[in-house]
C-alpha atoms as a PDB file:
ATOM      1  CA  UNK A   1      29.855  44.269 -36.702  1.00  0.00           C
ATOM      2  CA  UNK A   2      30.533  43.969 -40.429  1.00  0.00           C
ATOM      3  CA  UNK A   3      33.945  44.076 -42.076  1.00  0.00           C
ATOM      4  CA  UNK A   4      35.432  47.382 -43.225  1.00  0.00           C
ATOM      5  CA  UNK A   5      35.704  48.099 -46.956  1.00  0.00           C
ATOM      6  CA  UNK A   6      39.417  47.301 -46.808  1.00  0.00           C
ATOM      7  CA  UNK A   7      38.745  43.948 -45.108  1.00  0.00           C
ATOM      8  CA  UNK A   8      35.970  43.133 -47.590  1.00  0.00           C
ATOM      9  CA  UNK A   9      38.354  43.651 -50.504  1.00  0.00           C
ATOM     10  CA  UNK A  10      41.171  41.694 -48.862  1.00  0.00           C
ATOM     11  CA  UNK A  11      38.974  38.757 -47.819  1.00  0.00           C
ATOM     12  CA  UNK A  12      37.104  38.779 -51.130  1.00  0.00           C
ATOM     13  CA  UNK A  13      40.440  38.465 -52.947  1.00  0.00           C
ATOM     14  CA  UNK A  14      41.448  35.431 -50.850  1.00  0.00           C
ATOM     15  CA  UNK A  15      38.147  33.658 -51.527  1.00  0.00           C
ATOM     16  CA  UNK A  16      38.132  34.591 -55.225  1.00  0.00           C
ATOM     17  CA  UNK A  17      41.662  33.177 -55.592  1.00  0.00           C
ATOM     18  CA  UNK A  18      40.346  29.945 -54.039  1.00  0.00           C
ATOM     19  CA  UNK A  19      37.376  29.882 -56.438  1.00  0.00           C
ATOM     20  CA  UNK A  20      39.570  30.410 -59.517  1.00  0.00           C
ATOM     21  CA  UNK A  21      41.272  27.119 -58.700  1.00  0.00           C
ATOM     22  CA  UNK A  22      38.242  25.116 -57.503  1.00  0.00           C
ATOM     23  CA  UNK A  23      35.355  26.204 -59.707  1.00  0.00           C
ATOM     24  CA  UNK A  24      34.321  23.676 -62.350  1.00  0.00           C
ATOM     25  CA  UNK A  25      35.161  24.293 -66.028  1.00  0.00           C
ATOM     26  CA  UNK A  26      33.145  27.041 -67.750  1.00  0.00           C
ATOM     27  CA  UNK A  27      31.070  24.587 -69.788  1.00  0.00           C
ATOM     28  CA  UNK A  28      29.912  22.807 -66.602  1.00  0.00           C
ATOM     29  CA  UNK A  29      29.019  25.925 -64.587  1.00  0.00           C
ATOM     30  CA  UNK A  30      25.404  26.143 -65.797  1.00  0.00           C
ATOM     31  CA  UNK A  31      24.910  22.725 -64.141  1.00  0.00           C
ATOM     32  CA  UNK A  32      27.085  23.094 -61.027  1.00  0.00           C
ATOM     33  CA  UNK A  33      29.139  25.992 -59.726  1.00  0.00           C
ATOM     34  CA  UNK A  34      30.507  27.330 -56.445  1.00  0.00           C
ATOM     35  CA  UNK A  35      30.329  30.834 -55.059  1.00  0.00           C
ATOM     36  CA  UNK A  36      30.573  32.722 -51.776  1.00  0.00           C
ATOM     37  CA  UNK A  37      28.882  35.402 -49.721  1.00  0.00           C
ATOM     38  CA  UNK A  38      30.061  37.652 -46.945  1.00  0.00           C
ATOM     39  CA  UNK A  39      27.493  38.281 -44.231  1.00  0.00           C
ATOM     40  CA  UNK A  40      28.511  40.182 -41.113  1.00  0.00           C
ATOM     41  CA  UNK A  41      31.660  38.524 -39.768  1.00  0.00           C
ATOM     42  CA  UNK A  42      31.145  35.285 -41.751  1.00  0.00           C
ATOM     43  CA  UNK A  43      32.178  34.067 -45.173  1.00  0.00           C
ATOM     44  CA  UNK A  44      30.246  31.156 -46.621  1.00  0.00           C
ATOM     45  CA  UNK A  45      31.207  29.008 -49.594  1.00  0.00           C
ATOM     46  CA  UNK A  46      28.301  27.250 -51.295  1.00  0.00           C
ATOM     47  CA  UNK A  47      27.410  25.172 -54.349  1.00  0.00           C
ATOM     48  CA  UNK A  48      24.896  26.326 -56.974  1.00  0.00           C
ATOM     49  CA  UNK A  49      22.777  23.883 -59.002  1.00  0.00           C
ATOM     50  CA  UNK A  50      19.526  24.115 -60.942  1.00  0.00           C
ATOM     51  CA  UNK A  51      16.609  22.357 -59.251  1.00  0.00           C
ATOM     52  CA  UNK A  52      16.036  18.912 -60.738  1.00  0.00           C
ATOM     53  CA  UNK A  53      12.316  19.524 -61.351  1.00  0.00           C
ATOM     54  CA  UNK A  54      12.553  23.224 -62.299  1.00  0.00           C
ATOM     55  CA  UNK A  55      15.894  24.121 -63.913  1.00  0.00           C
ATOM     56  CA  UNK A  56      14.932  27.803 -63.936  1.00  0.00           C
ATOM     57  CA  UNK A  57      15.353  27.849 -60.144  1.00  0.00           C
ATOM     58  CA  UNK A  58      18.819  27.657 -58.611  1.00  0.00           C
ATOM     59  CA  UNK A  59      19.467  25.907 -55.299  1.00  0.00           C
ATOM     60  CA  UNK A  60      22.304  26.598 -52.908  1.00  0.00           C
ATOM     61  CA  UNK A  61      24.040  23.945 -50.821  1.00  0.00           C
ATOM     62  CA  UNK A  62      26.387  25.170 -48.130  1.00  0.00           C
ATOM     63  CA  UNK A  63      29.921  23.802 -48.149  1.00  0.00           C
ATOM     64  CA  UNK A  64      31.951  25.707 -45.565  1.00  0.00           C
ATOM     65  CA  UNK A  65      31.819  28.791 -43.389  1.00  0.00           C
ATOM     66  CA  UNK A  66      34.454  30.856 -41.621  1.00  0.00           C
ATOM     67  CA  UNK A  67      33.455  33.318 -38.914  1.00  0.00           C
ATOM     68  CA  UNK A  68      35.914  35.905 -37.681  1.00  0.00           C
ATOM     69  CA  UNK A  69      36.157  36.319 -33.907  1.00  0.00           C
ATOM     70  CA  UNK A  70      37.746  39.718 -33.465  1.00  0.00           C
ATOM     71  CA  UNK A  71      38.509  39.317 -29.740  1.00  0.00           C
ATOM     72  CA  UNK A  72      40.600  36.201 -30.471  1.00  0.00           C
ATOM     73  CA  UNK A  73      41.836  37.328 -33.894  1.00  0.00           C
ATOM     74  CA  UNK A  74      40.954  33.986 -35.427  1.00  0.00           C
ATOM     75  CA  UNK A  75      38.609  32.392 -37.951  1.00  0.00           C
ATOM     76  CA  UNK A  76      36.305  29.640 -36.687  1.00  0.00           C
ATOM     77  CA  UNK A  77      35.719  26.929 -39.304  1.00  0.00           C
ATOM     78  CA  UNK A  78      32.344  25.247 -39.818  1.00  0.00           C
ATOM     79  CA  UNK A  79      30.950  22.572 -42.130  1.00  0.00           C
ATOM     80  CA  UNK A  80      27.330  21.800 -42.989  1.00  0.00           C
ATOM     81  CA  UNK A  81      26.250  18.468 -41.525  1.00  0.00           C
ATOM     82  CA  UNK A  82      23.477  16.374 -43.098  1.00  0.00           C
ATOM     83  CA  UNK A  83      20.997  17.800 -40.550  1.00  0.00           C
ATOM     84  CA  UNK A  84      21.593  21.201 -42.243  1.00  0.00           C
ATOM     85  CA  UNK A  85      23.208  22.686 -39.146  1.00  0.00           C
ATOM     86  CA  UNK A  86      26.666  24.225 -39.007  1.00  0.00           C
ATOM     87  CA  UNK A  87      29.149  22.105 -37.065  1.00  0.00           C
ATOM     88  CA  UNK A  88      32.565  23.126 -35.838  1.00  0.00           C
ATOM     89  CA  UNK A  89      35.282  21.472 -37.914  1.00  0.00           C
ATOM     90  CA  UNK A  90      36.857  19.546 -35.041  1.00  0.00           C
ATOM     91  CA  UNK A  91      40.147  18.542 -36.691  1.00  0.00           C
ATOM     92  CA  UNK A  92      40.904  22.283 -36.977  1.00  0.00           C
ATOM     93  CA  UNK A  93      38.211  24.409 -35.285  1.00  0.00           C
ATOM     94  CA  UNK A  94      39.992  27.713 -35.908  1.00  0.00           C
ATOM     95  CA  UNK A  95      42.822  29.300 -37.869  1.00  0.00           C
ATOM     96  CA  UNK A  96      44.582  32.652 -37.716  1.00  0.00           C
ATOM     97  CA  UNK A  97      44.441  33.505 -41.438  1.00  0.00           C
ATOM     98  CA  UNK A  98      41.617  33.266 -43.970  1.00  0.00           C
ATOM     99  CA  UNK A  99      44.027  31.633 -46.420  1.00  0.00           C
ATOM    100  CA  UNK A 100      44.451  28.777 -43.905  1.00  0.00           C
ATOM    101  CA  UNK A 101      40.668  28.333 -43.993  1.00  0.00           C
ATOM    102  CA  UNK A 102      40.655  27.990 -47.792  1.00  0.00           C
ATOM    103  CA  UNK A 103      43.584  25.551 -47.613  1.00  0.00           C
ATOM    104  CA  UNK A 104      41.677  23.463 -45.059  1.00  0.00           C
ATOM    105  CA  UNK A 105      38.557  23.414 -47.241  1.00  0.00           C
ATOM    106  CA  UNK A 106      40.596  22.488 -50.326  1.00  0.00           C
ATOM    107  CA  UNK A 107      42.417  19.647 -48.546  1.00  0.00           C
ATOM    108  CA  UNK A 108      39.194  18.313 -46.941  1.00  0.00           C
ATOM    109  CA  UNK A 109      41.066  15.505 -45.188  1.00  0.00           C
ATOM    110  CA  UNK A 110      37.924  14.227 -43.437  1.00  0.00           C
ATOM    111  CA  UNK A 111      35.514  14.659 -46.374  1.00  0.00           C
ATOM    112  CA  UNK A 112      33.332  17.094 -44.449  1.00  0.00           C
ATOM    113  CA  UNK A 113      33.219  19.888 -47.027  1.00  0.00           C
ATOM    114  CA  UNK A 114      33.092  18.168 -50.411  1.00  0.00           C
ATOM    115  CA  UNK A 115      31.610  14.843 -49.313  1.00  0.00           C
END
């Protein structure tokens, strides 16, 4: 089940506040940028870059994902492993608030999200 309009606005605001702080400077954004998408009960943060051999095409590289589990009222945190599969973020597999997810991604104590 997808988020309600109210939840979409609230969660979008949290992620956009995170991006304001962590996006690269405006002059660098044509070369590397970060963005997000909301799909069902998940929010994914990803990096955007032009392809090295065809700059007209943009590639996406996943950074982090939070999936809301309504029955537990918590956000499960995932990171993209080198095998391109989502892995649970074992140091902190879930949080109660979306803002805790963005704080975890920003801190990246184990270099899972930003490398």
